[in-house]
Amino acid sequence: MLATYHHTDAAADSSARPLLIVHGLYGSGRNWGVIARNLSKTRPVVTVDMRNHGASPWTQSHSYPDMAGDLTQVILENGGEMDVLGHSMGGKAAMWLALTQPDLVARLIVADIAPVAYEHSQLQYIKAMRAVDLGAVKTRSDADRQLRPAIPELAIRAFLVQSLDVAEKCWRLNLDTLERDMPLIMTFPEADSKSYTKPTLFLAGGASDYVRPEHRPTMKTLFPKGQLVKIPGAAHWLHAEKPRDFEAAVTTWLDR
């Protein structure tokens, strides 16, 4: 079972359908803490650590059917139907869940990813994390300094070091499995004749190139009720770069 984090607000309607938030590669449920707390003002919110991330079990595989199976267990433990929001890798997992278990997903929000294979890789970040001398790390700032030559972007370093357990001197990421299964992470399973016919929001960063015009036909085929909304000025980590705009877009769509 995945590690889960529950967010509720005393003023929220406890009978409202819960929202499940699924993080992306190298992330964790705790990365979404502030957004989850803000969204919980109107509905219960559950965040998770995906397999091989955070406090969840480490496994020997990391495919989208694996991840969708994990999310199925979480939803069944929380009443049997939820709205689901997934970012990047988590968005692909959420899409595969919706396509294969549509009764469990009432509505779907996909943040800055499309149901397609991508040609780039994220292995450079694994290489950089492996190169950190954890024995010399006493604070996350120490790790940040070591990561800087390989990763000049401050925002990406700040994101990665959130998965560092300084006290235990280890990454809370199963780098071996993530490295081996990176080709699976960057692709999307063959959907055959599947489609998810419930409301779907594709929420993309206006400055991101992850959701491109050539992806639209596949998105429309698999998610015929899909709607695309862009957050101006936001790149791939749109929820971190424009959190209040992100929250407003999600809340407006869920409350309509």
C-alpha atoms as a PDB file:
ATOM      1  CA  MET A   1       0.000   0.000   0.000  1.00  0.00           C
ATOM      2  CA  LEU A   2       1.257   3.468  -0.863  1.00  0.00           C
ATOM      3  CA  ALA A   3       2.035   5.975   1.861  1.00  0.00           C
ATOM      4  CA  THR A   4      -0.909   8.378   2.000  1.00  0.00           C
ATOM      5  CA  TYR A   5      -1.443  11.820   3.514  1.00  0.00           C
ATOM      6  CA  HIS A   6      -4.956  13.062   4.313  1.00  0.00           C
ATOM      7  CA  HIS A   7      -5.906  16.731   4.260  1.00  0.00           C
ATOM      8  CA  THR A   8      -9.222  17.943   5.646  1.00  0.00           C
ATOM      9  CA  ASP A   9     -10.553  21.340   6.638  1.00  0.00           C
ATOM     10  CA  ALA A  10     -13.170  21.794   9.338  1.00  0.00           C
ATOM     11  CA  ALA A  11     -15.167  24.081   7.051  1.00  0.00           C
ATOM     12  CA  ALA A  12     -15.189  21.638   4.124  1.00  0.00           C
ATOM     13  CA  ASP A  13     -18.088  19.374   3.231  1.00  0.00           C
ATOM     14  CA  SER A  14     -16.955  16.025   4.574  1.00  0.00           C
ATOM     15  CA  SER A  15     -19.414  14.266   2.278  1.00  0.00           C
ATOM     16  CA  ALA A  16     -17.858  15.794  -0.857  1.00  0.00           C
ATOM     17  CA  ARG A  17     -16.057  13.453  -3.218  1.00  0.00           C
ATOM     18  CA  PRO A  18     -12.348  13.254  -2.272  1.00  0.00           C
ATOM     19  CA  LEU A  19      -9.567  14.419  -4.567  1.00  0.00           C
ATOM     20  CA  LEU A  20      -6.514  12.183  -5.023  1.00  0.00           C
ATOM     21  CA  ILE A  21      -3.281  13.982  -5.986  1.00  0.00           C
ATOM     22  CA  VAL A  22      -0.540  11.954  -7.710  1.00  0.00           C
ATOM     23  CA  HIS A  23       2.960  13.453  -7.899  1.00  0.00           C
ATOM     24  CA  GLY A  24       5.471  13.206 -10.716  1.00  0.00           C
ATOM     25  CA  LEU A  25       8.899  11.612 -11.090  1.00  0.00           C
ATOM     26  CA  TYR A  26      11.310  12.278  -8.170  1.00  0.00           C
ATOM     27  CA  GLY A  27       8.479  13.912  -6.205  1.00  0.00           C
ATOM     28  CA  SER A  28       6.420  12.954  -3.178  1.00  0.00           C
ATOM     29  CA  GLY A  29       3.027  13.532  -1.658  1.00  0.00           C
ATOM     30  CA  ARG A  30       4.546  16.022   0.761  1.00  0.00           C
ATOM     31  CA  ASN A  31       5.620  18.232  -2.177  1.00  0.00           C
ATOM     32  CA  TRP A  32       1.912  18.949  -2.617  1.00  0.00           C
ATOM     33  CA  GLY A  33       1.230  19.769   1.033  1.00  0.00           C
ATOM     34  CA  VAL A  34       0.365  23.469   0.696  1.00  0.00           C
ATOM     35  CA  ILE A  35      -1.756  22.985  -2.431  1.00  0.00           C
ATOM     36  CA  ALA A  36      -3.499  19.985  -0.870  1.00  0.00           C
ATOM     37  CA  ARG A  37      -4.313  21.968   2.273  1.00  0.00           C
ATOM     38  CA  ASN A  38      -5.718  24.849   0.230  1.00  0.00           C
ATOM     39  CA  LEU A  39      -7.823  22.562  -1.952  1.00  0.00           C
ATOM     40  CA  SER A  40      -9.077  20.761   1.154  1.00  0.00           C
ATOM     41  CA  LYS A  41     -11.095  23.857   2.117  1.00  0.00           C
ATOM     42  CA  THR A  42     -13.878  22.529  -0.105  1.00  0.00           C
ATOM     43  CA  ARG A  43     -13.276  18.754  -0.240  1.00  0.00           C
ATOM     44  CA  PRO A  44     -11.166  16.013   1.379  1.00  0.00           C
ATOM     45  CA  VAL A  45      -7.784  15.656  -0.328  1.00  0.00           C
ATOM     46  CA  VAL A  46      -5.455  12.656  -0.309  1.00  0.00           C
ATOM     47  CA  THR A  47      -1.860  12.769  -1.546  1.00  0.00           C
ATOM     48  CA  VAL A  48       0.368   9.737  -1.995  1.00  0.00           C
ATOM     49  CA  ASP A  49       3.992   8.757  -2.346  1.00  0.00           C
ATOM     50  CA  MET A  50       4.196   6.679  -5.501  1.00  0.00           C
ATOM     51  CA  ARG A  51       6.081   3.372  -5.438  1.00  0.00           C
ATOM     52  CA  ASN A  52       9.857   3.832  -5.303  1.00  0.00           C
ATOM     53  CA  HIS A  53       9.337   7.357  -3.923  1.00  0.00           C
ATOM     54  CA  GLY A  54       9.129   8.811  -0.426  1.00  0.00           C
ATOM     55  CA  ALA A  55       7.816   6.494   2.273  1.00  0.00           C
ATOM     56  CA  SER A  56       6.183   4.022  -0.127  1.00  0.00           C
ATOM     57  CA  PRO A  57       7.588   0.541  -0.817  1.00  0.00           C
ATOM     58  CA  TRP A  58      10.509   0.053  -3.166  1.00  0.00           C
ATOM     59  CA  THR A  59       9.776  -2.447  -5.911  1.00  0.00           C
ATOM     60  CA  GLN A  60      11.511  -4.114  -8.828  1.00  0.00           C
ATOM     61  CA  SER A  61       9.257  -2.537 -11.448  1.00  0.00           C
ATOM     62  CA  HIS A  62       7.885   0.907 -12.241  1.00  0.00           C
ATOM     63  CA  SER A  63       5.377   0.662 -15.093  1.00  0.00           C
ATOM     64  CA  TYR A  64       2.116   2.526 -15.541  1.00  0.00           C
ATOM     65  CA  PRO A  65       0.013  -0.615 -15.012  1.00  0.00           C
ATOM     66  CA  ASP A  66       1.945  -1.075 -11.733  1.00  0.00           C
ATOM     67  CA  MET A  67       1.255   2.486 -10.665  1.00  0.00           C
ATOM     68  CA  ALA A  68      -2.404   2.367 -11.689  1.00  0.00           C
ATOM     69  CA  GLY A  69      -2.775  -0.790  -9.615  1.00  0.00           C
ATOM     70  CA  ASP A  70      -1.334   1.017  -6.593  1.00  0.00           C
ATOM     71  CA  LEU A  71      -3.755   3.909  -7.074  1.00  0.00           C
ATOM     72  CA  THR A  72      -6.647   1.456  -7.372  1.00  0.00           C
ATOM     73  CA  GLN A  73      -5.870   0.192  -3.869  1.00  0.00           C
ATOM     74  CA  VAL A  74      -5.780   3.739  -2.491  1.00  0.00           C
ATOM     75  CA  ILE A  75      -9.134   4.636  -4.057  1.00  0.00           C
ATOM     76  CA  LEU A  76     -10.796   1.469  -2.809  1.00  0.00           C
ATOM     77  CA  GLU A  77      -9.502   2.246   0.682  1.00  0.00           C
ATOM     78  CA  ASN A  78     -11.082   5.710   0.438  1.00  0.00           C
ATOM     79  CA  GLY A  79     -14.617   4.910  -0.611  1.00  0.00           C
ATOM     80  CA  GLY A  80     -14.335   3.479  -4.100  1.00  0.00           C
ATOM     81  CA  GLU A  81     -14.490   6.596  -6.310  1.00  0.00           C
ATOM     82  CA  MET A  82     -12.411   9.773  -6.349  1.00  0.00           C
ATOM     83  CA  ASP A  83     -11.542  12.717  -8.525  1.00  0.00           C
ATOM     84  CA  VAL A  84      -7.904  12.254  -9.558  1.00  0.00           C
ATOM     85  CA  LEU A  85      -5.251  14.873 -10.312  1.00  0.00           C
ATOM     86  CA  GLY A  86      -1.862  13.733 -11.595  1.00  0.00           C
ATOM     87  CA  HIS A  87       1.231  15.676 -12.650  1.00  0.00           C
ATOM     88  CA  SER A  88       3.727  14.430 -15.257  1.00  0.00           C
ATOM     89  CA  MET A  89       4.493  10.766 -14.437  1.00  0.00           C
ATOM     90  CA  GLY A  90       1.585  10.903 -12.002  1.00  0.00           C
ATOM     91  CA  GLY A  91      -0.589  12.273 -14.783  1.00  0.00           C
ATOM     92  CA  LYS A  92       0.245   9.314 -16.978  1.00  0.00           C
ATOM     93  CA  ALA A  93      -0.497   6.927 -14.122  1.00  0.00           C
ATOM     94  CA  ALA A  94      -3.815   8.704 -13.532  1.00  0.00           C
ATOM     95  CA  MET A  95      -4.688   8.525 -17.235  1.00  0.00           C
ATOM     96  CA  TRP A  96      -3.954   4.801 -17.367  1.00  0.00           C
ATOM     97  CA  LEU A  97      -6.052   4.288 -14.248  1.00  0.00           C
ATOM     98  CA  ALA A  98      -8.954   6.192 -15.840  1.00  0.00           C
ATOM     99  CA  LEU A  99      -8.669   4.232 -19.083  1.00  0.00           C
ATOM    100  CA  THR A 100      -8.569   0.835 -17.374  1.00  0.00           C
ATOM    101  CA  GLN A 101     -10.684   1.457 -14.236  1.00  0.00           C
ATOM    102  CA  PRO A 102     -13.106   4.229 -15.256  1.00  0.00           C
ATOM    103  CA  ASP A 103     -15.569   3.426 -12.466  1.00  0.00           C
ATOM    104  CA  LEU A 104     -12.955   4.505  -9.912  1.00  0.00           C
ATOM    105  CA  VAL A 105     -12.273   7.927 -11.448  1.00  0.00           C
ATOM    106  CA  ALA A 106     -15.179  10.376 -11.346  1.00  0.00           C
ATOM    107  CA  ARG A 107     -13.241  13.221 -12.994  1.00  0.00           C
ATOM    108  CA  LEU A 108      -9.657  13.504 -14.175  1.00  0.00           C
ATOM    109  CA  ILE A 109      -7.163  16.372 -14.112  1.00  0.00           C
ATOM    110  CA  VAL A 110      -3.872  15.871 -15.961  1.00  0.00           C
ATOM    111  CA  ALA A 111      -1.148  18.419 -15.255  1.00  0.00           C
ATOM    112  CA  ASP A 112       1.310  19.139 -18.084  1.00  0.00           C
ATOM    113  CA  ILE A 113       1.642  15.746 -19.725  1.00  0.00           C
ATOM    114  CA  ALA A 114       0.062  13.944 -22.682  1.00  0.00           C
ATOM    115  CA  PRO A 115      -0.695  10.217 -23.199  1.00  0.00           C
ATOM    116  CA  VAL A 116       2.263   9.807 -25.566  1.00  0.00           C
ATOM    117  CA  ALA A 117       5.882   8.661 -25.564  1.00  0.00           C
ATOM    118  CA  TYR A 118       8.522  11.335 -25.029  1.00  0.00           C
ATOM    119  CA  GLU A 119      11.981  11.232 -26.573  1.00  0.00           C
ATOM    120  CA  HIS A 120      13.839  12.945 -23.735  1.00  0.00           C
ATOM    121  CA  SER A 121      14.985  11.229 -20.555  1.00  0.00           C
ATOM    122  CA  GLN A 122      15.386  12.203 -16.911  1.00  0.00           C
ATOM    123  CA  LEU A 123      18.449  10.044 -16.293  1.00  0.00           C
ATOM    124  CA  GLN A 124      20.729  13.066 -15.907  1.00  0.00           C
ATOM    125  CA  TYR A 125      19.133  13.773 -12.541  1.00  0.00           C
ATOM    126  CA  ILE A 126      19.746  10.236 -11.321  1.00  0.00           C
ATOM    127  CA  LYS A 127      23.380  10.555 -12.346  1.00  0.00           C
ATOM    128  CA  ALA A 128      23.642  13.841 -10.456  1.00  0.00           C
ATOM    129  CA  MET A 129      22.029  12.415  -7.323  1.00  0.00           C
ATOM    130  CA  ARG A 130      24.309   9.377  -7.377  1.00  0.00           C
ATOM    131  CA  ALA A 131      27.330  11.695  -7.569  1.00  0.00           C
ATOM    132  CA  VAL A 132      26.482  13.462  -4.304  1.00  0.00           C
ATOM    133  CA  ASP A 133      28.851  12.483  -1.482  1.00  0.00           C
ATOM    134  CA  LEU A 134      26.169  11.813   1.117  1.00  0.00           C
ATOM    135  CA  GLY A 135      28.773  11.292   3.831  1.00  0.00           C
ATOM    136  CA  ALA A 136      29.697  14.963   3.546  1.00  0.00           C
ATOM    137  CA  VAL A 137      26.103  16.186   3.640  1.00  0.00           C
ATOM    138  CA  LYS A 138      24.934  17.726   6.916  1.00  0.00           C
ATOM    139  CA  THR A 139      22.192  19.929   5.457  1.00  0.00           C
ATOM    140  CA  ARG A 140      20.222  20.031   2.235  1.00  0.00           C
ATOM    141  CA  SER A 141      22.215  23.113   1.313  1.00  0.00           C
ATOM    142  CA  ASP A 142      25.331  20.906   1.268  1.00  0.00           C
ATOM    143  CA  ALA A 143      23.631  18.612  -1.249  1.00  0.00           C
ATOM    144  CA  ASP A 144      22.462  21.603  -3.269  1.00  0.00           C
ATOM    145  CA  ARG A 145      26.046  22.833  -3.612  1.00  0.00           C
ATOM    146  CA  GLN A 146      27.187  19.427  -4.843  1.00  0.00           C
ATOM    147  CA  LEU A 147      24.342  19.233  -7.371  1.00  0.00           C
ATOM    148  CA  ARG A 148      24.969  22.720  -8.752  1.00  0.00           C
ATOM    149  CA  PRO A 149      27.609  21.867 -11.397  1.00  0.00           C
ATOM    150  CA  ALA A 150      25.375  19.224 -12.984  1.00  0.00           C
ATOM    151  CA  ILE A 151      22.053  21.011 -12.414  1.00  0.00           C
ATOM    152  CA  PRO A 152      22.345  24.804 -12.765  1.00  0.00           C
ATOM    153  CA  GLU A 153      18.596  25.350 -12.336  1.00  0.00           C
ATOM    154  CA  LEU A 154      17.908  26.311  -8.708  1.00  0.00           C
ATOM    155  CA  ALA A 155      14.246  25.247  -8.851  1.00  0.00           C
ATOM    156  CA  ILE A 156      15.140  21.721  -9.992  1.00  0.00           C
ATOM    157  CA  ARG A 157      17.827  21.340  -7.299  1.00  0.00           C
ATOM    158  CA  ALA A 158      15.406  22.570  -4.647  1.00  0.00           C
ATOM    159  CA  PHE A 159      12.849  20.041  -5.849  1.00  0.00           C
ATOM    160  CA  LEU A 160      15.303  17.120  -5.830  1.00  0.00           C
ATOM    161  CA  VAL A 161      16.769  17.769  -2.385  1.00  0.00           C
ATOM    162  CA  GLN A 162      13.288  17.471  -0.882  1.00  0.00           C
ATOM    163  CA  SER A 163      13.732  13.726  -1.461  1.00  0.00           C
ATOM    164  CA  LEU A 164      16.982  13.634   0.538  1.00  0.00           C
ATOM    165  CA  ASP A 165      16.885  12.180   4.046  1.00  0.00           C
ATOM    166  CA  VAL A 166      19.740  14.129   5.612  1.00  0.00           C
ATOM    167  CA  ALA A 167      19.675  12.249   8.910  1.00  0.00           C
ATOM    168  CA  GLU A 168      19.830   8.832   7.250  1.00  0.00           C
ATOM    169  CA  LYS A 169      22.131  10.106   4.470  1.00  0.00           C
ATOM    170  CA  CYS A 170      20.093   8.538   1.685  1.00  0.00           C
ATOM    171  CA  TRP A 171      17.759   9.464  -1.132  1.00  0.00           C
ATOM    172  CA  ARG A 172      14.108   8.545  -0.558  1.00  0.00           C
ATOM    173  CA  LEU A 173      14.052   7.351  -4.159  1.00  0.00           C
ATOM    174  CA  ASN A 174      14.743   3.888  -5.554  1.00  0.00           C
ATOM    175  CA  LEU A 175      17.262   5.145  -8.098  1.00  0.00           C
ATOM    176  CA  ASP A 176      18.104   1.626  -9.333  1.00  0.00           C
ATOM    177  CA  THR A 177      14.546   0.768 -10.385  1.00  0.00           C
ATOM    178  CA  LEU A 178      13.806   4.258 -11.699  1.00  0.00           C
ATOM    179  CA  GLU A 179      16.953   4.171 -13.822  1.00  0.00           C
ATOM    180  CA  ARG A 180      16.236   0.699 -15.218  1.00  0.00           C
ATOM    181  CA  ASP A 181      12.590   1.459 -15.995  1.00  0.00           C
ATOM    182  CA  MET A 182      13.121   4.981 -17.337  1.00  0.00           C
ATOM    183  CA  PRO A 183      12.118   3.829 -20.866  1.00  0.00           C
ATOM    184  CA  LEU A 184       8.746   2.716 -19.437  1.00  0.00           C
ATOM    185  CA  ILE A 185       8.326   6.002 -17.567  1.00  0.00           C
ATOM    186  CA  MET A 186       8.926   8.054 -20.690  1.00  0.00           C
ATOM    187  CA  THR A 187       6.442   6.111 -22.811  1.00  0.00           C
ATOM    188  CA  PHE A 188       2.708   5.371 -22.434  1.00  0.00           C
ATOM    189  CA  PRO A 189       1.059   1.950 -22.680  1.00  0.00           C
ATOM    190  CA  GLU A 190      -0.734   0.942 -25.853  1.00  0.00           C
ATOM    191  CA  ALA A 191      -4.338   1.944 -25.252  1.00  0.00           C
ATOM    192  CA  ASP A 192      -5.922  -0.117 -28.072  1.00  0.00           C
ATOM    193  CA  SER A 193      -9.612   0.855 -28.211  1.00  0.00           C
ATOM    194  CA  LYS A 194      -9.805   2.270 -24.687  1.00  0.00           C
ATOM    195  CA  SER A 195     -11.322   5.653 -23.905  1.00  0.00           C
ATOM    196  CA  TYR A 196     -12.334   7.545 -20.771  1.00  0.00           C
ATOM    197  CA  THR A 197     -15.607   9.347 -21.430  1.00  0.00           C
ATOM    198  CA  LYS A 198     -15.950  11.348 -18.203  1.00  0.00           C
ATOM    199  CA  PRO A 199     -14.910  14.997 -17.736  1.00  0.00           C
ATOM    200  CA  THR A 200     -11.165  15.532 -18.139  1.00  0.00           C
ATOM    201  CA  LEU A 201      -9.079  18.677 -17.710  1.00  0.00           C
ATOM    202  CA  PHE A 202      -5.656  18.910 -19.302  1.00  0.00           C
ATOM    203  CA  LEU A 203      -3.960  21.728 -17.381  1.00  0.00           C
ATOM    204  CA  ALA A 204      -0.759  22.760 -19.129  1.00  0.00           C
ATOM    205  CA  GLY A 205       1.966  25.317 -18.557  1.00  0.00           C
ATOM    206  CA  GLY A 206       1.859  28.106 -21.103  1.00  0.00           C
ATOM    207  CA  ALA A 207       5.673  28.107 -21.293  1.00  0.00           C
ATOM    208  CA  SER A 208       5.961  24.284 -21.336  1.00  0.00           C
ATOM    209  CA  ASP A 209       6.457  22.103 -24.410  1.00  0.00           C
ATOM    210  CA  TYR A 210       5.120  18.907 -22.843  1.00  0.00           C
ATOM    211  CA  VAL A 211       1.613  19.252 -24.325  1.00  0.00           C
ATOM    212  CA  ARG A 212       2.006  20.071 -27.998  1.00  0.00           C
ATOM    213  CA  PRO A 213      -0.462  20.521 -30.878  1.00  0.00           C
ATOM    214  CA  GLU A 214       0.503  17.165 -32.392  1.00  0.00           C
ATOM    215  CA  HIS A 215      -0.597  15.455 -29.161  1.00  0.00           C
ATOM    216  CA  ARG A 216      -4.162  16.783 -29.394  1.00  0.00           C
ATOM    217  CA  PRO A 217      -5.599  14.041 -31.653  1.00  0.00           C
ATOM    218  CA  THR A 218      -4.439  11.289 -29.270  1.00  0.00           C
ATOM    219  CA  MET A 219      -5.744  13.227 -26.282  1.00  0.00           C
ATOM    220  CA  LYS A 220      -9.125  13.656 -27.978  1.00  0.00           C
ATOM    221  CA  THR A 221      -9.364  10.009 -28.974  1.00  0.00           C
ATOM    222  CA  LEU A 222      -8.580   8.661 -25.522  1.00  0.00           C
ATOM    223  CA  PHE A 223     -10.332  11.421 -23.578  1.00  0.00           C
ATOM    224  CA  PRO A 224     -13.200  12.694 -25.771  1.00  0.00           C
ATOM    225  CA  LYS A 225     -14.511  15.017 -23.033  1.00  0.00           C
ATOM    226  CA  GLY A 226     -11.081  16.514 -22.494  1.00  0.00           C
ATOM    227  CA  GLN A 227     -10.615  20.262 -22.142  1.00  0.00           C
ATOM    228  CA  LEU A 228      -7.234  21.994 -22.432  1.00  0.00           C
ATOM    229  CA  VAL A 229      -6.459  25.001 -20.246  1.00  0.00           C
ATOM    230  CA  LYS A 230      -3.059  26.725 -20.071  1.00  0.00           C
ATOM    231  CA  ILE A 231      -1.557  28.685 -17.191  1.00  0.00           C
ATOM    232  CA  PRO A 232       0.331  31.647 -18.733  1.00  0.00           C
ATOM    233  CA  GLY A 233       4.004  31.876 -17.883  1.00  0.00           C
ATOM    234  CA  ALA A 234       4.199  28.463 -16.201  1.00  0.00           C
ATOM    235  CA  ALA A 235       6.602  25.746 -17.343  1.00  0.00           C
ATOM    236  CA  HIS A 236       6.462  22.009 -16.599  1.00  0.00           C
ATOM    237  CA  TRP A 237       6.357  22.349 -12.783  1.00  0.00           C
ATOM    238  CA  LEU A 238       3.330  24.620 -13.124  1.00  0.00           C
ATOM    239  CA  HIS A 239       1.986  23.834  -9.650  1.00  0.00           C
ATOM    240  CA  ALA A 240       5.260  24.972  -8.060  1.00  0.00           C
ATOM    241  CA  GLU A 241       5.791  27.999 -10.305  1.00  0.00           C
ATOM    242  CA  LYS A 242       2.214  29.334 -10.262  1.00  0.00           C
ATOM    243  CA  PRO A 243       0.604  27.614  -7.256  1.00  0.00           C
ATOM    244  CA  ARG A 244      -2.254  30.069  -6.698  1.00  0.00           C
ATOM    245  CA  ASP A 245      -3.146  30.100 -10.414  1.00  0.00           C
ATOM    246  CA  PHE A 246      -2.977  26.305 -10.404  1.00  0.00           C
ATOM    247  CA  GLU A 247      -5.257  26.039  -7.373  1.00  0.00           C
ATOM    248  CA  ALA A 248      -7.726  28.499  -8.899  1.00  0.00           C
ATOM    249  CA  ALA A 249      -7.911  26.574 -12.162  1.00  0.00           C
ATOM    250  CA  VAL A 250      -8.424  23.230 -10.378  1.00  0.00           C
ATOM    251  CA  THR A 251     -11.022  24.618  -7.967  1.00  0.00           C
ATOM    252  CA  THR A 252     -12.973  26.418 -10.691  1.00  0.00           C
ATOM    253  CA  TRP A 253     -13.127  23.275 -12.820  1.00  0.00           C
ATOM    254  CA  LEU A 254     -14.105  20.980  -9.947  1.00  0.00           C
ATOM    255  CA  ASP A 255     -16.745  23.403  -8.634  1.00  0.00           C
ATOM    256  CA  ARG A 256     -18.402  24.191 -11.944  1.00  0.00           C
END
